[in-house]
Amino acid sequence: MDDCLFCKIVSGKIPSDRVFEDEEVYAFRDINPQAPTHVLIIPKRHIPSAAALTGDDAAVCGRLVVVAARIAQECGMADRGFRLVLNSGEDGGQSVGHLHLHLLGGRKLGWPPG
């Protein structure tokens, strides 16, 4: 999508601090981190939100989580713990209209979140 911030990041039109990339997934550091490690993991294909997911999206959703676990391991957070957050819609806190998974860690995270 031409007007989507994350699509522009995937295409290289907007620079990012890339952490991981393969044929389906792109991961980059959040520009407004909420923890010492805050990485956004997104599908390269535009999906507006979790509410727009269909059964055809199951594989890419699983891939997002697998990539998050890999990044957590590489960042040394796997043993102590980390949080995955997927916001959907305005009331859910989604600020960019492209499905994205937040990987947060590197400190003790409180509960409830928000």
N, C-alpha and C. Protein backbone atom coordinates (compact mmCIF):
# COMPACT_ATOMS: atom_id res chain seq x y z
N MET A 1 0.84 -1.18 0.00
CA MET A 1 0.00 0.00 0.00
C MET A 1 0.88 1.24 0.00
N ASP A 2 0.58 2.16 -0.87
CA ASP A 2 1.42 3.34 -1.06
C ASP A 2 1.47 4.27 0.15
N ASP A 3 0.40 4.32 0.94
CA ASP A 3 0.36 5.26 2.06
C ASP A 3 0.67 4.61 3.41
N CYS A 4 1.03 3.34 3.43
CA CYS A 4 1.28 2.63 4.69
C CYS A 4 2.74 2.83 5.13
N LEU A 5 2.93 3.32 6.34
CA LEU A 5 4.25 3.56 6.90
C LEU A 5 5.11 2.29 6.87
N PHE A 6 4.56 1.18 7.32
CA PHE A 6 5.35 -0.04 7.40
C PHE A 6 5.64 -0.62 6.02
N CYS A 7 4.73 -0.47 5.08
CA CYS A 7 5.00 -0.90 3.70
C CYS A 7 6.16 -0.09 3.12
N LYS A 8 6.22 1.19 3.47
CA LYS A 8 7.32 2.03 3.00
C LYS A 8 8.64 1.61 3.64
N ILE A 9 8.60 1.16 4.89
CA ILE A 9 9.80 0.65 5.55
C ILE A 9 10.27 -0.63 4.87
N VAL A 10 9.35 -1.55 4.62
CA VAL A 10 9.69 -2.81 3.95
C VAL A 10 10.30 -2.55 2.58
N SER A 11 9.76 -1.59 1.85
CA SER A 11 10.25 -1.31 0.48
C SER A 11 11.55 -0.51 0.48
N GLY A 12 11.98 0.00 1.64
CA GLY A 12 13.20 0.79 1.71
C GLY A 12 13.01 2.27 1.47
N LYS A 13 11.76 2.70 1.28
CA LYS A 13 11.49 4.13 1.07
C LYS A 13 11.71 4.93 2.34
N ILE A 14 11.53 4.28 3.49
CA ILE A 14 11.79 4.89 4.79
C ILE A 14 12.83 4.02 5.48
N PRO A 15 13.92 4.63 5.99
CA PRO A 15 14.96 3.83 6.65
C PRO A 15 14.49 3.26 7.99
N SER A 16 15.09 2.14 8.36
CA SER A 16 14.80 1.52 9.66
C SER A 16 16.05 0.82 10.15
N ASP A 17 16.04 0.50 11.43
CA ASP A 17 17.14 -0.25 12.04
C ASP A 17 16.75 -1.73 11.99
N ARG A 18 17.03 -2.36 10.87
CA ARG A 18 16.62 -3.74 10.60
C ARG A 18 17.31 -4.71 11.55
N VAL A 19 16.52 -5.66 12.06
CA VAL A 19 17.03 -6.70 12.93
C VAL A 19 16.98 -8.05 12.23
N PHE A 20 15.96 -8.24 11.37
CA PHE A 20 15.77 -9.53 10.69
C PHE A 20 14.97 -9.28 9.42
N GLU A 21 15.25 -10.12 8.41
CA GLU A 21 14.46 -10.07 7.19
C GLU A 21 14.54 -11.42 6.49
N ASP A 22 13.40 -11.90 6.02
CA ASP A 22 13.35 -13.03 5.11
C ASP A 22 12.30 -12.75 4.05
N GLU A 23 11.86 -13.74 3.32
CA GLU A 23 10.91 -13.50 2.23
C GLU A 23 9.53 -13.08 2.70
N GLU A 24 9.15 -13.39 3.95
CA GLU A 24 7.80 -13.10 4.45
C GLU A 24 7.75 -12.04 5.54
N VAL A 25 8.83 -11.87 6.27
CA VAL A 25 8.82 -11.10 7.51
C VAL A 25 9.96 -10.08 7.53
N TYR A 26 9.67 -8.94 8.14
CA TYR A 26 10.67 -7.89 8.34
C TYR A 26 10.59 -7.47 9.80
N ALA A 27 11.73 -7.32 10.47
CA ALA A 27 11.76 -6.89 11.87
C ALA A 27 12.73 -5.74 12.02
N PHE A 28 12.33 -4.75 12.82
CA PHE A 28 13.16 -3.56 13.01
C PHE A 28 12.91 -2.97 14.39
N ARG A 29 13.89 -2.20 14.87
CA ARG A 29 13.78 -1.58 16.19
C ARG A 29 12.76 -0.44 16.16
N ASP A 30 11.94 -0.39 17.21
CA ASP A 30 10.94 0.67 17.33
C ASP A 30 11.64 2.00 17.57
N ILE A 31 11.16 3.07 16.92
CA ILE A 31 11.80 4.38 17.10
C ILE A 31 11.41 5.04 18.42
N ASN A 32 10.40 4.48 19.10
CA ASN A 32 9.98 4.99 20.41
C ASN A 32 9.93 3.80 21.38
N PRO A 33 11.09 3.25 21.74
CA PRO A 33 11.11 2.01 22.52
C PRO A 33 10.48 2.16 23.91
N GLN A 34 9.73 1.12 24.29
CA GLN A 34 9.08 1.08 25.59
C GLN A 34 9.80 0.13 26.55
N ALA A 35 10.91 -0.44 26.10
CA ALA A 35 11.75 -1.33 26.90
C ALA A 35 13.14 -1.28 26.29
N PRO A 36 14.17 -1.76 27.01
CA PRO A 36 15.51 -1.75 26.43
C PRO A 36 15.59 -2.43 25.06
N THR A 37 14.84 -3.51 24.89
CA THR A 37 14.70 -4.13 23.58
C THR A 37 13.25 -3.99 23.16
N HIS A 38 13.01 -3.34 22.03
CA HIS A 38 11.65 -3.17 21.50
C HIS A 38 11.75 -3.28 19.99
N VAL A 39 11.35 -4.44 19.49
CA VAL A 39 11.44 -4.73 18.06
C VAL A 39 10.03 -4.95 17.52
N LEU A 40 9.76 -4.42 16.35
CA LEU A 40 8.50 -4.65 15.65
C LEU A 40 8.73 -5.70 14.58
N ILE A 41 7.87 -6.70 14.56
CA ILE A 41 7.97 -7.79 13.60
C ILE A 41 6.70 -7.74 12.76
N ILE A 42 6.88 -7.60 11.43
CA ILE A 42 5.73 -7.38 10.56
C ILE A 42 5.77 -8.33 9.36
N PRO A 43 4.59 -8.67 8.84
CA PRO A 43 4.59 -9.38 7.57
C PRO A 43 4.93 -8.38 6.46
N LYS A 44 5.66 -8.84 5.46
CA LYS A 44 5.96 -7.95 4.33
C LYS A 44 4.70 -7.63 3.54
N ARG A 45 3.80 -8.59 3.49
CA ARG A 45 2.52 -8.38 2.80
C ARG A 45 1.63 -7.53 3.71
N HIS A 46 0.97 -6.56 3.14
CA HIS A 46 0.12 -5.67 3.92
C HIS A 46 -1.12 -6.42 4.44
N ILE A 47 -1.23 -6.45 5.75
CA ILE A 47 -2.43 -6.94 6.44
C ILE A 47 -2.79 -5.81 7.40
N PRO A 48 -3.98 -5.22 7.31
CA PRO A 48 -4.30 -4.03 8.11
C PRO A 48 -4.26 -4.22 9.62
N SER A 49 -4.74 -5.36 10.12
CA SER A 49 -4.80 -5.56 11.57
C SER A 49 -5.11 -7.03 11.85
N ALA A 50 -5.09 -7.39 13.12
CA ALA A 50 -5.46 -8.76 13.51
C ALA A 50 -6.91 -9.04 13.15
N ALA A 51 -7.75 -8.02 13.18
CA ALA A 51 -9.17 -8.19 12.84
C ALA A 51 -9.36 -8.58 11.37
N ALA A 52 -8.39 -8.30 10.54
CA ALA A 52 -8.49 -8.60 9.11
C ALA A 52 -7.92 -9.97 8.75
N LEU A 53 -7.39 -10.71 9.74
CA LEU A 53 -6.79 -12.01 9.47
C LEU A 53 -7.82 -13.03 9.03
N THR A 54 -7.38 -13.92 8.15
CA THR A 54 -8.21 -15.05 7.72
C THR A 54 -7.39 -16.32 7.92
N GLY A 55 -8.01 -17.44 7.65
CA GLY A 55 -7.31 -18.72 7.75
C GLY A 55 -6.09 -18.78 6.86
N ASP A 56 -6.12 -18.06 5.75
CA ASP A 56 -4.97 -18.03 4.84
C ASP A 56 -3.74 -17.35 5.45
N ASP A 57 -3.93 -16.63 6.55
CA ASP A 57 -2.84 -15.89 7.18
C ASP A 57 -2.18 -16.65 8.33
N ALA A 58 -2.64 -17.86 8.61
CA ALA A 58 -2.14 -18.61 9.76
C ALA A 58 -0.62 -18.82 9.70
N ALA A 59 -0.11 -19.17 8.55
CA ALA A 59 1.33 -19.44 8.43
C ALA A 59 2.16 -18.20 8.70
N VAL A 60 1.78 -17.07 8.14
CA VAL A 60 2.57 -15.86 8.36
C VAL A 60 2.47 -15.40 9.81
N CYS A 61 1.33 -15.60 10.45
CA CYS A 61 1.21 -15.25 11.87
C CYS A 61 2.13 -16.12 12.72
N GLY A 62 2.16 -17.40 12.42
CA GLY A 62 3.08 -18.28 13.12
C GLY A 62 4.52 -17.88 12.88
N ARG A 63 4.83 -17.46 11.69
CA ARG A 63 6.18 -17.03 11.35
C ARG A 63 6.59 -15.80 12.16
N LEU A 64 5.65 -14.87 12.39
CA LEU A 64 5.95 -13.69 13.20
C LEU A 64 6.41 -14.10 14.60
N VAL A 65 5.71 -15.07 15.19
CA VAL A 65 6.04 -15.52 16.55
C VAL A 65 7.37 -16.27 16.57
N VAL A 66 7.62 -17.10 15.58
CA VAL A 66 8.88 -17.84 15.49
C VAL A 66 10.05 -16.86 15.35
N VAL A 67 9.88 -15.84 14.52
CA VAL A 67 10.93 -14.84 14.35
C VAL A 67 11.14 -14.07 15.66
N ALA A 68 10.06 -13.75 16.36
CA ALA A 68 10.18 -13.06 17.64
C ALA A 68 11.00 -13.89 18.63
N ALA A 69 10.74 -15.19 18.69
CA ALA A 69 11.49 -16.07 19.60
C ALA A 69 12.97 -16.10 19.22
N ARG A 70 13.24 -16.13 17.94
CA ARG A 70 14.63 -16.13 17.46
C ARG A 70 15.35 -14.85 17.87
N ILE A 71 14.69 -13.72 17.67
CA ILE A 71 15.29 -12.43 18.03
C ILE A 71 15.50 -12.36 19.54
N ALA A 72 14.52 -12.81 20.32
CA ALA A 72 14.65 -12.82 21.78
C ALA A 72 15.87 -13.65 22.20
N GLN A 73 16.06 -14.79 21.56
CA GLN A 73 17.22 -15.63 21.85
C GLN A 73 18.51 -14.88 21.51
N GLU A 74 18.56 -14.28 20.34
CA GLU A 74 19.75 -13.56 19.90
C GLU A 74 20.07 -12.36 20.79
N CYS A 75 19.03 -11.76 21.37
CA CYS A 75 19.22 -10.59 22.25
C CYS A 75 19.48 -10.99 23.71
N GLY A 76 19.50 -12.30 23.98
CA GLY A 76 19.77 -12.78 25.33
C GLY A 76 18.60 -12.67 26.28
N MET A 77 17.37 -12.58 25.75
CA MET A 77 16.19 -12.42 26.60
C MET A 77 15.40 -13.71 26.80
N ALA A 78 15.71 -14.75 26.07
CA ALA A 78 14.87 -15.94 26.08
C ALA A 78 14.79 -16.58 27.46
N ASP A 79 15.88 -16.63 28.19
CA ASP A 79 15.88 -17.29 29.51
C ASP A 79 15.16 -16.47 30.57
N ARG A 80 15.34 -15.16 30.57
CA ARG A 80 14.72 -14.30 31.60
C ARG A 80 13.29 -13.95 31.28
N GLY A 81 12.94 -13.92 29.99
CA GLY A 81 11.58 -13.63 29.58
C GLY A 81 11.45 -12.38 28.73
N PHE A 82 10.35 -12.33 28.02
CA PHE A 82 10.05 -11.22 27.13
C PHE A 82 8.54 -11.20 26.93
N ARG A 83 8.05 -10.15 26.30
CA ARG A 83 6.62 -10.02 26.05
C ARG A 83 6.39 -9.81 24.56
N LEU A 84 5.33 -10.46 24.06
CA LEU A 84 4.86 -10.24 22.70
C LEU A 84 3.51 -9.55 22.79
N VAL A 85 3.32 -8.47 22.05
CA VAL A 85 2.08 -7.71 22.07
C VAL A 85 1.62 -7.50 20.63
N LEU A 86 0.34 -7.79 20.40
CA LEU A 86 -0.26 -7.56 19.10
C LEU A 86 -1.53 -6.75 19.34
N ASN A 87 -1.47 -5.46 19.04
CA ASN A 87 -2.62 -4.57 19.22
C ASN A 87 -3.47 -4.59 17.95
N SER A 88 -4.78 -4.44 18.13
CA SER A 88 -5.67 -4.41 16.97
C SER A 88 -6.72 -3.32 17.16
N GLY A 89 -6.76 -2.40 16.22
CA GLY A 89 -7.74 -1.32 16.24
C GLY A 89 -7.39 -0.21 17.19
N GLU A 90 -8.12 0.89 17.05
CA GLU A 90 -7.84 2.09 17.84
C GLU A 90 -7.95 1.83 19.35
N ASP A 91 -9.04 1.20 19.79
CA ASP A 91 -9.20 0.94 21.22
C ASP A 91 -8.18 -0.07 21.74
N GLY A 92 -7.65 -0.90 20.86
CA GLY A 92 -6.62 -1.87 21.24
C GLY A 92 -5.23 -1.28 21.26
N GLY A 93 -5.09 -0.03 20.85
CA GLY A 93 -3.80 0.64 20.87
C GLY A 93 -2.99 0.54 19.60
N GLN A 94 -3.59 0.06 18.51
CA GLN A 94 -2.86 -0.04 17.24
C GLN A 94 -2.70 1.36 16.65
N SER A 95 -1.47 1.77 16.40
CA SER A 95 -1.21 3.12 15.90
C SER A 95 -0.82 3.15 14.43
N VAL A 96 -0.43 2.01 13.86
CA VAL A 96 -0.10 1.92 12.43
C VAL A 96 -0.98 0.82 11.84
N GLY A 97 -1.65 1.13 10.74
CA GLY A 97 -2.59 0.20 10.13
C GLY A 97 -1.92 -0.88 9.30
N HIS A 98 -1.01 -1.60 9.91
CA HIS A 98 -0.32 -2.75 9.30
C HIS A 98 -0.04 -3.70 10.46
N LEU A 99 -0.48 -4.93 10.35
CA LEU A 99 -0.28 -5.91 11.41
C LEU A 99 1.17 -5.89 11.88
N HIS A 100 1.38 -5.81 13.18
CA HIS A 100 2.73 -5.85 13.73
C HIS A 100 2.73 -6.42 15.13
N LEU A 101 3.77 -7.15 15.41
CA LEU A 101 3.98 -7.79 16.70
C LEU A 101 5.12 -7.06 17.40
N HIS A 102 4.87 -6.63 18.64
CA HIS A 102 5.91 -5.98 19.44
C HIS A 102 6.63 -7.05 20.24
N LEU A 103 7.95 -7.03 20.21
CA LEU A 103 8.79 -7.84 21.08
C LEU A 103 9.43 -6.89 22.08
N LEU A 104 9.11 -7.08 23.35
CA LEU A 104 9.60 -6.20 24.41
C LEU A 104 10.37 -7.02 25.44
N GLY A 105 11.48 -6.50 25.91
CA GLY A 105 12.24 -7.20 26.94
C GLY A 105 13.46 -6.42 27.35
N GLY A 106 14.29 -7.07 28.15
CA GLY A 106 15.50 -6.43 28.65
C GLY A 106 15.32 -5.79 30.01
N ARG A 107 14.12 -5.90 30.57
CA ARG A 107 13.83 -5.43 31.93
C ARG A 107 12.60 -6.18 32.42
N LYS A 108 12.33 -6.10 33.72
CA LYS A 108 11.11 -6.70 34.27
C LYS A 108 9.93 -5.89 33.79
N LEU A 109 8.96 -6.55 33.20
CA LEU A 109 7.78 -5.88 32.66
C LEU A 109 6.61 -6.04 33.64
N GLY A 110 5.90 -4.97 33.87
CA GLY A 110 4.79 -4.98 34.82
C GLY A 110 3.51 -5.57 34.22
N TRP A 111 2.57 -5.87 35.12
CA TRP A 111 1.25 -6.38 34.71
C TRP A 111 0.23 -5.79 35.65
N PRO A 112 -0.91 -5.34 35.21
CA PRO A 112 -1.37 -5.38 33.83
C PRO A 112 -0.70 -4.31 33.00
N PRO A 113 -0.64 -4.54 31.67
CA PRO A 113 0.05 -3.59 30.79
C PRO A 113 -0.85 -2.43 30.40
N GLY A 114 -1.13 -1.46 30.67
CA GLY A 114 -2.00 -0.47 30.06
C GLY A 114 -3.18 -0.25 30.86
